[in-house]
Every structure is written in C-alpha cells, then in structure tokens.
Amino acid sequence: MAKNIKLVKSLIGCKKDQIATAQSLGLRKIGDVTTQPDNSQTQGKIKKISHLIEVTEA
C-alpha cells in the first residue's frame, strides 16, 4: 500500500521541524503531491504535519 500526500496549507509560519518534515516528504509548494510507502516512518511524518496535508490511498 502507498499513500498520496498533498500539501494543502502553506508552510509559512510553521515550525522549522514541520517545514523539514514536509520537505523530506517532497512537498515544497501548495498543491504538490507525492506518493510515499505506508510504513512507520511515513506515518510519523504524516502525524507531525497532519494539519497541513491531505492523505489518500494510492
């Protein structure tokens, strides 16, 4: 299983660690979409920036 992750809110004003998490997922600008494997590392990143992203099953 994989997850599609889309950045729906701006990273402006976010904490540095949240910005770094978004960038590690490959999300730079609003509307960027990336597909990530469904593993524990990805789930932790999703939980950290859940208020900024939209997650769907791939």
C-alpha atoms as a PDB file:
ATOM      1  CA  MET A   1       0.000   0.000   0.000  1.00  0.00           C
ATOM      2  CA  ALA A   2       1.102   3.508  -0.707  1.00  0.00           C
ATOM      3  CA  LYS A   3      -0.271   6.894   0.258  1.00  0.00           C
ATOM      4  CA  ASN A   4      -0.712  10.016  -1.840  1.00  0.00           C
ATOM      5  CA  ILE A   5       0.129  13.097   0.205  1.00  0.00           C
ATOM      6  CA  LYS A   6      -0.881  16.588  -0.939  1.00  0.00           C
ATOM      7  CA  LEU A   7       0.201  19.855   0.674  1.00  0.00           C
ATOM      8  CA  VAL A   8      -2.957  21.956   1.107  1.00  0.00           C
ATOM      9  CA  LYS A   9      -1.775  24.681   3.502  1.00  0.00           C
ATOM     10  CA  SER A  10       1.225  26.983   3.396  1.00  0.00           C
ATOM     11  CA  LEU A  11       4.436  26.265   5.275  1.00  0.00           C
ATOM     12  CA  ILE A  12       4.864  29.969   6.085  1.00  0.00           C
ATOM     13  CA  GLY A  13       4.826  30.458   9.836  1.00  0.00           C
ATOM     14  CA  CYS A  14       5.334  26.782  10.627  1.00  0.00           C
ATOM     15  CA  LYS A  15       7.996  25.484  12.976  1.00  0.00           C
ATOM     16  CA  LYS A  16      11.315  24.581  11.396  1.00  0.00           C
ATOM     17  CA  ASP A  17      10.879  20.892  12.161  1.00  0.00           C
ATOM     18  CA  GLN A  18       7.480  20.857  10.422  1.00  0.00           C
ATOM     19  CA  ILE A  19       8.967  22.531   7.339  1.00  0.00           C
ATOM     20  CA  ALA A  20      11.802  19.991   7.328  1.00  0.00           C
ATOM     21  CA  THR A  21       9.278  17.136   7.613  1.00  0.00           C
ATOM     22  CA  ALA A  22       7.272  18.445   4.641  1.00  0.00           C
ATOM     23  CA  GLN A  23      10.425  18.818   2.573  1.00  0.00           C
ATOM     24  CA  SER A  24      11.558  15.295   3.476  1.00  0.00           C
ATOM     25  CA  LEU A  25       8.254  14.063   2.014  1.00  0.00           C
ATOM     26  CA  GLY A  26       8.977  16.031  -1.172  1.00  0.00           C
ATOM     27  CA  LEU A  27       6.424  18.789  -0.523  1.00  0.00           C
ATOM     28  CA  ARG A  28       7.648  22.297  -1.287  1.00  0.00           C
ATOM     29  CA  LYS A  29       4.647  24.339  -2.536  1.00  0.00           C
ATOM     30  CA  ILE A  30       0.888  24.228  -2.027  1.00  0.00           C
ATOM     31  CA  GLY A  31      -0.601  21.662  -4.383  1.00  0.00           C
ATOM     32  CA  ASP A  32       2.486  19.437  -4.506  1.00  0.00           C
ATOM     33  CA  VAL A  33       1.582  15.729  -4.440  1.00  0.00           C
ATOM     34  CA  THR A  34       3.873  12.833  -3.616  1.00  0.00           C
ATOM     35  CA  THR A  35       3.408   9.081  -3.230  1.00  0.00           C
ATOM     36  CA  GLN A  36       5.054   7.503  -0.203  1.00  0.00           C
ATOM     37  CA  PRO A  37       5.150   3.923   1.101  1.00  0.00           C
ATOM     38  CA  ASP A  38       2.845   3.139   4.019  1.00  0.00           C
ATOM     39  CA  ASN A  39       5.388   2.388   6.733  1.00  0.00           C
ATOM     40  CA  SER A  40       6.029   3.605  10.278  1.00  0.00           C
ATOM     41  CA  GLN A  41       8.405   6.408   9.208  1.00  0.00           C
ATOM     42  CA  THR A  42       5.868   7.859   6.769  1.00  0.00           C
ATOM     43  CA  GLN A  43       3.033   7.557   9.294  1.00  0.00           C
ATOM     44  CA  GLY A  44       5.083   9.514  11.846  1.00  0.00           C
ATOM     45  CA  LYS A  45       5.769  12.280   9.316  1.00  0.00           C
ATOM     46  CA  ILE A  46       2.084  12.407   8.374  1.00  0.00           C
ATOM     47  CA  LYS A  47       1.088  12.708  12.032  1.00  0.00           C
ATOM     48  CA  LYS A  48       3.554  15.562  12.587  1.00  0.00           C
ATOM     49  CA  ILE A  49       2.147  17.734   9.766  1.00  0.00           C
ATOM     50  CA  SER A  50      -1.410  16.362   9.555  1.00  0.00           C
ATOM     51  CA  HIS A  51      -2.892  19.882   9.787  1.00  0.00           C
ATOM     52  CA  LEU A  52      -1.070  20.912   6.581  1.00  0.00           C
ATOM     53  CA  ILE A  53      -1.682  17.918   4.320  1.00  0.00           C
ATOM     54  CA  GLU A  54      -4.380  15.749   2.767  1.00  0.00           C
ATOM     55  CA  VAL A  55      -3.749  11.992   2.624  1.00  0.00           C
ATOM     56  CA  THR A  56      -5.411   9.478   0.285  1.00  0.00           C
ATOM     57  CA  GLU A  57      -4.740   5.850  -0.574  1.00  0.00           C
ATOM     58  CA  ALA A  58      -2.786   5.332  -3.792  1.00  0.00           C
END
